[in-house]
PDB file of N, CA and C in Angstrom:
ATOM      1  N   MET A   1     -48.413 -65.256  68.096  1.00  0.00           N
ATOM      2  CA  MET A   1     -48.260 -63.952  68.728  1.00  0.00           C
ATOM      3  C   MET A   1     -48.337 -62.864  67.659  1.00  0.00           C
ATOM      4  N   TYR A   2     -49.214 -61.889  67.889  1.00  0.00           N
ATOM      5  CA  TYR A   2     -49.369 -60.766  66.969  1.00  0.00           C
ATOM      6  C   TYR A   2     -48.601 -59.561  67.512  1.00  0.00           C
ATOM      7  N   LYS A   3     -48.200 -58.687  66.595  1.00  0.00           N
ATOM      8  CA  LYS A   3     -47.538 -57.447  66.989  1.00  0.00           C
ATOM      9  C   LYS A   3     -48.479 -56.290  66.712  1.00  0.00           C
ATOM     10  N   ALA A   4     -48.604 -55.402  67.709  1.00  0.00           N
ATOM     11  CA  ALA A   4     -49.437 -54.216  67.565  1.00  0.00           C
ATOM     12  C   ALA A   4     -48.592 -52.984  67.831  1.00  0.00           C
ATOM     13  N   LEU A   5     -48.773 -51.978  66.998  1.00  0.00           N
ATOM     14  CA  LEU A   5     -48.095 -50.702  67.176  1.00  0.00           C
ATOM     15  C   LEU A   5     -49.117 -49.680  67.637  1.00  0.00           C
ATOM     16  N   VAL A   6     -48.877 -49.088  68.804  1.00  0.00           N
ATOM     17  CA  VAL A   6     -49.722 -47.998  69.278  1.00  0.00           C
ATOM     18  C   VAL A   6     -49.026 -46.711  68.849  1.00  0.00           C
ATOM     19  N   ALA A   7     -49.708 -45.902  68.050  1.00  0.00           N
ATOM     20  CA  ALA A   7     -49.067 -44.710  67.486  1.00  0.00           C
ATOM     21  C   ALA A   7     -50.037 -43.544  67.402  1.00  0.00           C
ATOM     22  N   CYS A   8     -49.469 -42.334  67.478  1.00  0.00           N
ATOM     23  CA  CYS A   8     -50.215 -41.118  67.168  1.00  0.00           C
ATOM     24  C   CYS A   8     -49.259 -40.200  66.424  1.00  0.00           C
ATOM     25  N   ARG A   9     -49.706 -39.011  66.133  1.00  0.00           N
ATOM     26  CA  ARG A   9     -48.874 -38.123  65.326  1.00  0.00           C
ATOM     27  C   ARG A   9     -47.502 -37.863  65.937  1.00  0.00           C
ATOM     28  N   ALA A  10     -47.462 -37.498  67.212  1.00  0.00           N
ATOM     29  CA  ALA A  10     -46.191 -37.138  67.840  1.00  0.00           C
ATOM     30  C   ALA A  10     -45.546 -38.293  68.600  1.00  0.00           C
ATOM     31  N   GLY A  11     -46.343 -39.268  69.011  1.00  0.00           N
ATOM     32  CA  GLY A  11     -45.789 -40.389  69.763  1.00  0.00           C
ATOM     33  C   GLY A  11     -45.604 -40.097  71.238  1.00  0.00           C
ATOM     34  N   VAL A  12     -46.234 -39.036  71.721  1.00  0.00           N
ATOM     35  CA  VAL A  12     -46.185 -38.719  73.153  1.00  0.00           C
ATOM     36  C   VAL A  12     -47.601 -38.452  73.640  1.00  0.00           C
ATOM     37  N   GLY A  13     -47.780 -38.383  74.907  1.00  0.00           N
ATOM     38  CA  GLY A  13     -49.094 -38.035  75.461  1.00  0.00           C
ATOM     39  C   GLY A  13     -50.145 -39.089  75.238  1.00  0.00           C
ATOM     40  N   SER A  14     -51.079 -38.815  74.321  1.00  0.00           N
ATOM     41  CA  SER A  14     -52.239 -39.689  74.161  1.00  0.00           C
ATOM     42  C   SER A  14     -51.858 -41.110  73.779  1.00  0.00           C
ATOM     43  N   SER A  15     -50.928 -41.281  72.861  1.00  0.00           N
ATOM     44  CA  SER A  15     -50.603 -42.649  72.459  1.00  0.00           C
ATOM     45  C   SER A  15     -49.811 -43.387  73.535  1.00  0.00           C
ATOM     46  N   LEU A  16     -49.054 -42.654  74.350  1.00  0.00           N
ATOM     47  CA  LEU A  16     -48.335 -43.308  75.441  1.00  0.00           C
ATOM     48  C   LEU A  16     -49.332 -43.814  76.483  1.00  0.00           C
ATOM     49  N   MET A  17     -50.338 -43.003  76.795  1.00  0.00           N
ATOM     50  CA  MET A  17     -51.393 -43.428  77.714  1.00  0.00           C
ATOM     51  C   MET A  17     -52.159 -44.608  77.111  1.00  0.00           C
ATOM     52  N   LEU A  18     -52.461 -44.531  75.820  1.00  0.00           N
ATOM     53  CA  LEU A  18     -53.167 -45.616  75.149  1.00  0.00           C
ATOM     54  C   LEU A  18     -52.350 -46.900  75.174  1.00  0.00           C
ATOM     55  N   LYS A  19     -51.043 -46.799  74.973  1.00  0.00           N
ATOM     56  CA  LYS A  19     -50.184 -47.990  75.006  1.00  0.00           C
ATOM     57  C   LYS A  19     -50.238 -48.652  76.381  1.00  0.00           C
ATOM     58  N   ILE A  20     -50.218 -47.857  77.438  1.00  0.00           N
ATOM     59  CA  ILE A  20     -50.290 -48.400  78.796  1.00  0.00           C
ATOM     60  C   ILE A  20     -51.604 -49.140  78.994  1.00  0.00           C
ATOM     61  N   LYS A  21     -52.709 -48.540  78.567  1.00  0.00           N
ATOM     62  CA  LYS A  21     -54.027 -49.172  78.731  1.00  0.00           C
ATOM     63  C   LYS A  21     -54.145 -50.431  77.875  1.00  0.00           C
ATOM     64  N   VAL A  22     -53.652 -50.372  76.639  1.00  0.00           N
ATOM     65  CA  VAL A  22     -53.685 -51.558  75.769  1.00  0.00           C
ATOM     66  C   VAL A  22     -52.876 -52.683  76.401  1.00  0.00           C
ATOM     67  N   ALA A  23     -51.700 -52.371  76.917  1.00  0.00           N
ATOM     68  CA  ALA A  23     -50.852 -53.394  77.551  1.00  0.00           C
ATOM     69  C   ALA A  23     -51.558 -54.010  78.752  1.00  0.00           C
ATOM     70  N   GLU A  24     -52.267 -53.197  79.530  1.00  0.00           N
ATOM     71  CA  GLU A  24     -53.025 -53.716  80.680  1.00  0.00           C
ATOM     72  C   GLU A  24     -54.124 -54.673  80.225  1.00  0.00           C
ATOM     73  N   VAL A  25     -54.855 -54.285  79.168  1.00  0.00           N
ATOM     74  CA  VAL A  25     -55.944 -55.130  78.650  1.00  0.00           C
ATOM     75  C   VAL A  25     -55.378 -56.438  78.088  1.00  0.00           C
ATOM     76  N   VAL A  26     -54.275 -56.349  77.357  1.00  0.00           N
ATOM     77  CA  VAL A  26     -53.639 -57.537  76.783  1.00  0.00           C
ATOM     78  C   VAL A  26     -53.233 -58.499  77.893  1.00  0.00           C
ATOM     79  N   LYS A  27     -52.620 -57.963  78.939  1.00  0.00           N
ATOM     80  CA  LYS A  27     -52.153 -58.804  80.053  1.00  0.00           C
ATOM     81  C   LYS A  27     -53.328 -59.422  80.808  1.00  0.00           C
ATOM     82  N   THR A  28     -54.322 -58.615  81.134  1.00  0.00           N
ATOM     83  CA  THR A  28     -55.487 -59.082  81.890  1.00  0.00           C
ATOM     84  C   THR A  28     -56.230 -60.196  81.156  1.00  0.00           C
ATOM     85  N   ASN A  29     -56.335 -60.076  79.829  1.00  0.00           N
ATOM     86  CA  ASN A  29     -57.111 -61.032  79.030  1.00  0.00           C
ATOM     87  C   ASN A  29     -56.246 -62.082  78.349  1.00  0.00           C
ATOM     88  N   ASP A  30     -54.950 -62.023  78.595  1.00  0.00           N
ATOM     89  CA  ASP A  30     -54.012 -62.986  78.021  1.00  0.00           C
ATOM     90  C   ASP A  30     -54.119 -63.047  76.498  1.00  0.00           C
ATOM     91  N   PHE A  31     -54.263 -61.876  75.877  1.00  0.00           N
ATOM     92  CA  PHE A  31     -54.319 -61.809  74.413  1.00  0.00           C
ATOM     93  C   PHE A  31     -52.916 -62.060  73.843  1.00  0.00           C
ATOM     94  N   PRO A  32     -52.810 -62.764  72.714  1.00  0.00           N
ATOM     95  CA  PRO A  32     -51.503 -63.044  72.106  1.00  0.00           C
ATOM     96  C   PRO A  32     -50.995 -61.843  71.297  1.00  0.00           C
ATOM     97  N   ILE A  33     -50.778 -60.725  71.995  1.00  0.00           N
ATOM     98  CA  ILE A  33     -50.371 -59.488  71.327  1.00  0.00           C
ATOM     99  C   ILE A  33     -49.156 -58.904  72.039  1.00  0.00           C
ATOM    100  N   GLU A  34     -48.155 -58.568  71.247  1.00  0.00           N
ATOM    101  CA  GLU A  34     -46.982 -57.854  71.745  1.00  0.00           C
ATOM    102  C   GLU A  34     -47.169 -56.391  71.352  1.00  0.00           C
ATOM    103  N   VAL A  35     -47.113 -55.483  72.331  1.00  0.00           N
ATOM    104  CA  VAL A  35     -47.423 -54.078  72.096  1.00  0.00           C
ATOM    105  C   VAL A  35     -46.160 -53.229  71.997  1.00  0.00           C
ATOM    106  N   GLU A  36     -46.058 -52.460  70.912  1.00  0.00           N
ATOM    107  CA  GLU A  36     -44.960 -51.512  70.715  1.00  0.00           C
ATOM    108  C   GLU A  36     -45.545 -50.110  70.658  1.00  0.00           C
ATOM    109  N   HIS A  37     -44.689 -49.099  70.757  1.00  0.00           N
ATOM    110  CA  HIS A  37     -45.148 -47.706  70.749  1.00  0.00           C
ATOM    111  C   HIS A  37     -44.244 -46.859  69.861  1.00  0.00           C
ATOM    112  N   SER A  38     -44.843 -45.932  69.125  1.00  0.00           N
ATOM    113  CA  SER A  38     -44.069 -45.058  68.238  1.00  0.00           C
ATOM    114  C   SER A  38     -44.927 -43.877  67.815  1.00  0.00           C
ATOM    115  N   SER A  39     -44.291 -42.922  67.157  1.00  0.00           N
ATOM    116  CA  SER A  39     -45.056 -41.884  66.453  1.00  0.00           C
ATOM    117  C   SER A  39     -45.438 -42.476  65.093  1.00  0.00           C
ATOM    118  N   LEU A  40     -46.179 -41.741  64.305  1.00  0.00           N
ATOM    119  CA  LEU A  40     -46.551 -42.228  62.973  1.00  0.00           C
ATOM    120  C   LEU A  40     -45.330 -42.450  62.088  1.00  0.00           C
ATOM    121  N   ASP A  41     -44.212 -41.817  62.421  1.00  0.00           N
ATOM    122  CA  ASP A  41     -42.979 -42.036  61.662  1.00  0.00           C
ATOM    123  C   ASP A  41     -42.524 -43.486  61.724  1.00  0.00           C
ATOM    124  N   GLY A  42     -42.951 -44.218  62.761  1.00  0.00           N
ATOM    125  CA  GLY A  42     -42.551 -45.608  62.916  1.00  0.00           C
ATOM    126  C   GLY A  42     -43.384 -46.584  62.105  1.00  0.00           C
ATOM    127  N   VAL A  43     -44.480 -46.119  61.519  1.00  0.00           N
ATOM    128  CA  VAL A  43     -45.383 -47.011  60.780  1.00  0.00           C
ATOM    129  C   VAL A  43     -44.708 -47.680  59.571  1.00  0.00           C
ATOM    130  N   PRO A  44     -43.980 -46.925  58.721  1.00  0.00           N
ATOM    131  CA  PRO A  44     -43.383 -47.580  57.541  1.00  0.00           C
ATOM    132  C   PRO A  44     -42.433 -48.740  57.877  1.00  0.00           C
ATOM    133  N   GLY A  45     -41.757 -48.684  58.995  1.00  0.00           N
ATOM    134  CA  GLY A  45     -40.825 -49.750  59.352  1.00  0.00           C
ATOM    135  C   GLY A  45     -41.418 -50.810  60.267  1.00  0.00           C
ATOM    136  N   PHE A  46     -42.719 -50.696  60.553  1.00  0.00           N
ATOM    137  CA  PHE A  46     -43.356 -51.625  61.487  1.00  0.00           C
ATOM    138  C   PHE A  46     -43.624 -52.965  60.822  1.00  0.00           C
ATOM    139  N   ASN A  47     -43.196 -54.020  61.481  1.00  0.00           N
ATOM    140  CA  ASN A  47     -43.374 -55.370  60.957  1.00  0.00           C
ATOM    141  C   ASN A  47     -44.324 -56.126  61.880  1.00  0.00           C
ATOM    142  N   GLY A  48     -45.611 -55.884  61.723  1.00  0.00           N
ATOM    143  CA  GLY A  48     -46.604 -56.519  62.588  1.00  0.00           C
ATOM    144  C   GLY A  48     -47.953 -56.561  61.905  1.00  0.00           C
ATOM    145  N   GLU A  49     -48.986 -56.825  62.701  1.00  0.00           N
ATOM    146  CA  GLU A  49     -50.318 -57.050  62.137  1.00  0.00           C
ATOM    147  C   GLU A  49     -51.320 -55.930  62.372  1.00  0.00           C
ATOM    148  N   MET A  50     -51.179 -55.177  63.482  1.00  0.00           N
ATOM    149  CA  MET A  50     -52.202 -54.174  63.771  1.00  0.00           C
ATOM    150  C   MET A  50     -51.605 -52.866  64.272  1.00  0.00           C
ATOM    151  N   ILE A  51     -52.316 -51.794  63.958  1.00  0.00           N
ATOM    152  CA  ILE A  51     -51.956 -50.466  64.440  1.00  0.00           C
ATOM    153  C   ILE A  51     -53.142 -49.957  65.258  1.00  0.00           C
ATOM    154  N   ILE A  52     -52.838 -49.529  66.476  1.00  0.00           N
ATOM    155  CA  ILE A  52     -53.857 -49.022  67.384  1.00  0.00           C
ATOM    156  C   ILE A  52     -53.595 -47.532  67.565  1.00  0.00           C
ATOM    157  N   THR A  53     -54.630 -46.727  67.311  1.00  0.00           N
ATOM    158  CA  THR A  53     -54.436 -45.279  67.335  1.00  0.00           C
ATOM    159  C   THR A  53     -55.754 -44.594  67.678  1.00  0.00           C
ATOM    160  N   LEU A  54     -55.790 -43.291  67.508  1.00  0.00           N
ATOM    161  CA  LEU A  54     -56.998 -42.510  67.744  1.00  0.00           C
ATOM    162  C   LEU A  54     -57.855 -42.519  66.470  1.00  0.00           C
ATOM    163  N   PRO A  55     -59.170 -42.319  66.594  1.00  0.00           N
ATOM    164  CA  PRO A  55     -60.057 -42.467  65.427  1.00  0.00           C
ATOM    165  C   PRO A  55     -59.685 -41.618  64.206  1.00  0.00           C
ATOM    166  N   ASP A  56     -59.275 -40.358  64.410  1.00  0.00           N
ATOM    167  CA  ASP A  56     -58.956 -39.518  63.255  1.00  0.00           C
ATOM    168  C   ASP A  56     -57.724 -40.035  62.514  1.00  0.00           C
ATOM    169  N   VAL A  57     -56.738 -40.497  63.260  1.00  0.00           N
ATOM    170  CA  VAL A  57     -55.533 -41.066  62.643  1.00  0.00           C
ATOM    171  C   VAL A  57     -55.874 -42.394  61.967  1.00  0.00           C
ATOM    172  N   ALA A  58     -56.737 -43.177  62.603  1.00  0.00           N
ATOM    173  CA  ALA A  58     -57.150 -44.463  62.028  1.00  0.00           C
ATOM    174  C   ALA A  58     -57.788 -44.252  60.656  1.00  0.00           C
ATOM    175  N   GLU A  59     -58.644 -43.233  60.533  1.00  0.00           N
ATOM    176  CA  GLU A  59     -59.292 -42.952  59.243  1.00  0.00           C
ATOM    177  C   GLU A  59     -58.250 -42.638  58.167  1.00  0.00           C
ATOM    178  N   GLU A  60     -57.253 -41.834  58.523  1.00  0.00           N
ATOM    179  CA  GLU A  60     -56.195 -41.500  57.562  1.00  0.00           C
ATOM    180  C   GLU A  60     -55.426 -42.743  57.134  1.00  0.00           C
ATOM    181  N   LEU A  61     -55.098 -43.603  58.094  1.00  0.00           N
ATOM    182  CA  LEU A  61     -54.319 -44.799  57.787  1.00  0.00           C
ATOM    183  C   LEU A  61     -55.107 -45.785  56.933  1.00  0.00           C
ATOM    184  N   VAL A  62     -56.408 -45.905  57.195  1.00  0.00           N
ATOM    185  CA  VAL A  62     -57.258 -46.802  56.402  1.00  0.00           C
ATOM    186  C   VAL A  62     -57.269 -46.344  54.940  1.00  0.00           C
ATOM    187  N   GLN A  63     -57.308 -45.030  54.729  1.00  0.00           N
ATOM    188  CA  GLN A  63     -57.340 -44.493  53.360  1.00  0.00           C
ATOM    189  C   GLN A  63     -56.042 -44.777  52.600  1.00  0.00           C
ATOM    190  N   LYS A  64     -54.967 -45.047  53.328  1.00  0.00           N
ATOM    191  CA  LYS A  64     -53.681 -45.331  52.684  1.00  0.00           C
ATOM    192  C   LYS A  64     -53.534 -46.804  52.288  1.00  0.00           C
ATOM    193  N   ASN A  65     -54.565 -47.612  52.581  1.00  0.00           N
ATOM    194  CA  ASN A  65     -54.554 -49.046  52.242  1.00  0.00           C
ATOM    195  C   ASN A  65     -53.304 -49.760  52.761  1.00  0.00           C
ATOM    196  N   LEU A  66     -52.945 -49.494  53.997  1.00  0.00           N
ATOM    197  CA  LEU A  66     -51.792 -50.151  54.611  1.00  0.00           C
ATOM    198  C   LEU A  66     -52.133 -51.609  54.926  1.00  0.00           C
ATOM    199  N   PRO A  67     -51.126 -52.475  54.953  1.00  0.00           N
ATOM    200  CA  PRO A  67     -51.384 -53.909  55.157  1.00  0.00           C
ATOM    201  C   PRO A  67     -51.544 -54.301  56.636  1.00  0.00           C
ATOM    202  N   TYR A  68     -52.224 -53.466  57.400  1.00  0.00           N
ATOM    203  CA  TYR A  68     -52.412 -53.730  58.827  1.00  0.00           C
ATOM    204  C   TYR A  68     -53.887 -53.661  59.165  1.00  0.00           C
ATOM    205  N   LYS A  69     -54.247 -54.303  60.262  1.00  0.00           N
ATOM    206  CA  LYS A  69     -55.579 -54.118  60.847  1.00  0.00           C
ATOM    207  C   LYS A  69     -55.479 -52.810  61.627  1.00  0.00           C
ATOM    208  N   ILE A  70     -56.270 -51.806  61.236  1.00  0.00           N
ATOM    209  CA  ILE A  70     -56.228 -50.489  61.869  1.00  0.00           C
ATOM    210  C   ILE A  70     -57.353 -50.404  62.905  1.00  0.00           C
ATOM    211  N   ILE A  71     -56.994 -50.058  64.136  1.00  0.00           N
ATOM    212  CA  ILE A  71     -57.970 -49.986  65.220  1.00  0.00           C
ATOM    213  C   ILE A  71     -57.975 -48.568  65.781  1.00  0.00           C
ATOM    214  N   GLY A  72     -59.123 -47.914  65.734  1.00  0.00           N
ATOM    215  CA  GLY A  72     -59.269 -46.580  66.303  1.00  0.00           C
ATOM    216  C   GLY A  72     -59.947 -46.666  67.658  1.00  0.00           C
ATOM    217  N   ILE A  73     -59.317 -46.110  68.678  1.00  0.00           N
ATOM    218  CA  ILE A  73     -59.869 -46.127  70.033  1.00  0.00           C
ATOM    219  C   ILE A  73     -60.334 -44.708  70.374  1.00  0.00           C
ATOM    220  N   GLY A  74     -61.624 -44.549  70.623  1.00  0.00           N
ATOM    221  CA  GLY A  74     -62.186 -43.233  70.910  1.00  0.00           C
ATOM    222  C   GLY A  74     -61.867 -42.727  72.302  1.00  0.00           C
ATOM    223  N   ASN A  75     -61.966 -43.601  73.297  1.00  0.00           N
ATOM    224  CA  ASN A  75     -61.694 -43.209  74.682  1.00  0.00           C
ATOM    225  C   ASN A  75     -60.478 -44.001  75.152  1.00  0.00           C
ATOM    226  N   ILE A  76     -59.331 -43.337  75.225  1.00  0.00           N
ATOM    227  CA  ILE A  76     -58.073 -44.061  75.467  1.00  0.00           C
ATOM    228  C   ILE A  76     -57.948 -44.658  76.859  1.00  0.00           C
ATOM    229  N   VAL A  77     -58.867 -44.326  77.768  1.00  0.00           N
ATOM    230  CA  VAL A  77     -58.817 -44.945  79.095  1.00  0.00           C
ATOM    231  C   VAL A  77     -59.960 -45.938  79.312  1.00  0.00           C
ATOM    232  N   ASP A  78     -60.745 -46.202  78.275  1.00  0.00           N
ATOM    233  CA  ASP A  78     -61.871 -47.130  78.379  1.00  0.00           C
ATOM    234  C   ASP A  78     -61.400 -48.547  78.044  1.00  0.00           C
ATOM    235  N   LYS A  79     -61.120 -49.317  79.087  1.00  0.00           N
ATOM    236  CA  LYS A  79     -60.596 -50.674  78.875  1.00  0.00           C
ATOM    237  C   LYS A  79     -61.617 -51.582  78.195  1.00  0.00           C
ATOM    238  N   ASN A  80     -62.916 -51.320  78.409  1.00  0.00           N
ATOM    239  CA  ASN A  80     -63.933 -52.142  77.742  1.00  0.00           C
ATOM    240  C   ASN A  80     -63.910 -51.921  76.234  1.00  0.00           C
ATOM    241  N   GLU A  81     -63.769 -50.668  75.808  1.00  0.00           N
ATOM    242  CA  GLU A  81     -63.682 -50.376  74.370  1.00  0.00           C
ATOM    243  C   GLU A  81     -62.430 -51.031  73.782  1.00  0.00           C
ATOM    244  N   ILE A  82     -61.321 -50.904  74.480  1.00  0.00           N
ATOM    245  CA  ILE A  82     -60.071 -51.494  74.002  1.00  0.00           C
ATOM    246  C   ILE A  82     -60.210 -53.013  73.894  1.00  0.00           C
ATOM    247  N   LYS A  83     -60.767 -53.632  74.927  1.00  0.00           N
ATOM    248  CA  LYS A  83     -60.934 -55.098  74.944  1.00  0.00           C
ATOM    249  C   LYS A  83     -61.824 -55.547  73.785  1.00  0.00           C
ATOM    250  N   THR A  84     -62.966 -54.881  73.599  1.00  0.00           N
ATOM    251  CA  THR A  84     -63.911 -55.244  72.532  1.00  0.00           C
ATOM    252  C   THR A  84     -63.255 -55.141  71.156  1.00  0.00           C
ATOM    253  N   LYS A  85     -62.517 -54.061  70.924  1.00  0.00           N
ATOM    254  CA  LYS A  85     -61.907 -53.851  69.607  1.00  0.00           C
ATOM    255  C   LYS A  85     -60.729 -54.800  69.373  1.00  0.00           C
ATOM    256  N   LEU A  86     -59.985 -55.123  70.424  1.00  0.00           N
ATOM    257  CA  LEU A  86     -58.903 -56.094  70.269  1.00  0.00           C
ATOM    258  C   LEU A  86     -59.462 -57.489  69.998  1.00  0.00           C
ATOM    259  N   GLU A  87     -60.529 -57.857  70.676  1.00  0.00           N
ATOM    260  CA  GLU A  87     -61.177 -59.158  70.429  1.00  0.00           C
ATOM    261  C   GLU A  87     -61.631 -59.258  68.979  1.00  0.00           C
ATOM    262  N   ALA A  88     -62.249 -58.191  68.478  1.00  0.00           N
ATOM    263  CA  ALA A  88     -62.727 -58.182  67.089  1.00  0.00           C
ATOM    264  C   ALA A  88     -61.549 -58.308  66.117  1.00  0.00           C
ATOM    265  N   ALA A  89     -60.469 -57.590  66.398  1.00  0.00           N
ATOM    266  CA  ALA A  89     -59.286 -57.650  65.520  1.00  0.00           C
ATOM    267  C   ALA A  89     -58.680 -59.037  65.533  1.00  0.00           C
ATOM    268  N   LEU A  90     -58.574 -59.649  66.703  1.00  0.00           N
ATOM    269  CA  LEU A  90     -58.016 -61.002  66.781  1.00  0.00           C
ATOM    270  C   LEU A  90     -58.883 -62.002  66.029  1.00  0.00           C
ATOM    271  N   ALA A  91     -60.203 -61.831  66.106  1.00  0.00           N
ATOM    272  CA  ALA A  91     -61.128 -62.712  65.392  1.00  0.00           C
ATOM    273  C   ALA A  91     -60.932 -62.567  63.878  1.00  0.00           C
ATOM    274  N   GLU A  92     -60.747 -61.328  63.408  1.00  0.00           N
ATOM    275  CA  GLU A  92     -60.536 -61.090  61.985  1.00  0.00           C
ATOM    276  C   GLU A  92     -59.202 -61.667  61.497  1.00  0.00           C
ATOM    277  N   LEU A  93     -58.179 -61.523  62.337  1.00  0.00           N
ATOM    278  CA  LEU A  93     -56.852 -62.007  61.957  1.00  0.00           C
ATOM    279  C   LEU A  93     -56.773 -63.531  61.993  1.00  0.00           C
ATOM    280  N   GLY A  94     -57.709 -64.138  62.722  1.00  0.00           N
ATOM    281  CA  GLY A  94     -57.780 -65.586  62.756  1.00  0.00           C
ATOM    282  C   GLY A  94     -56.827 -66.177  63.729  1.00  0.00           C
TER     283      GLY A  94
END
């Protein structure tokens, strides 16, 4: 079971909607992912494998060389995009 943190700058609005959609995709596809939600303030204390966020935030996090698989979702209500990117992340994590 992998842990994923859905986060954005404030932790409200867009990331909350994204967390709901990610949870739906995880459940529908039976992905071994436990989904949590936070603002970016929660990243330093996060003990998991992946961070799911918006593309601009993803770019910033990648530049910080954090020990997580960083996933940027462009359209937060596009379940196909979410599914494709989660599948790719799971394949990379092994």
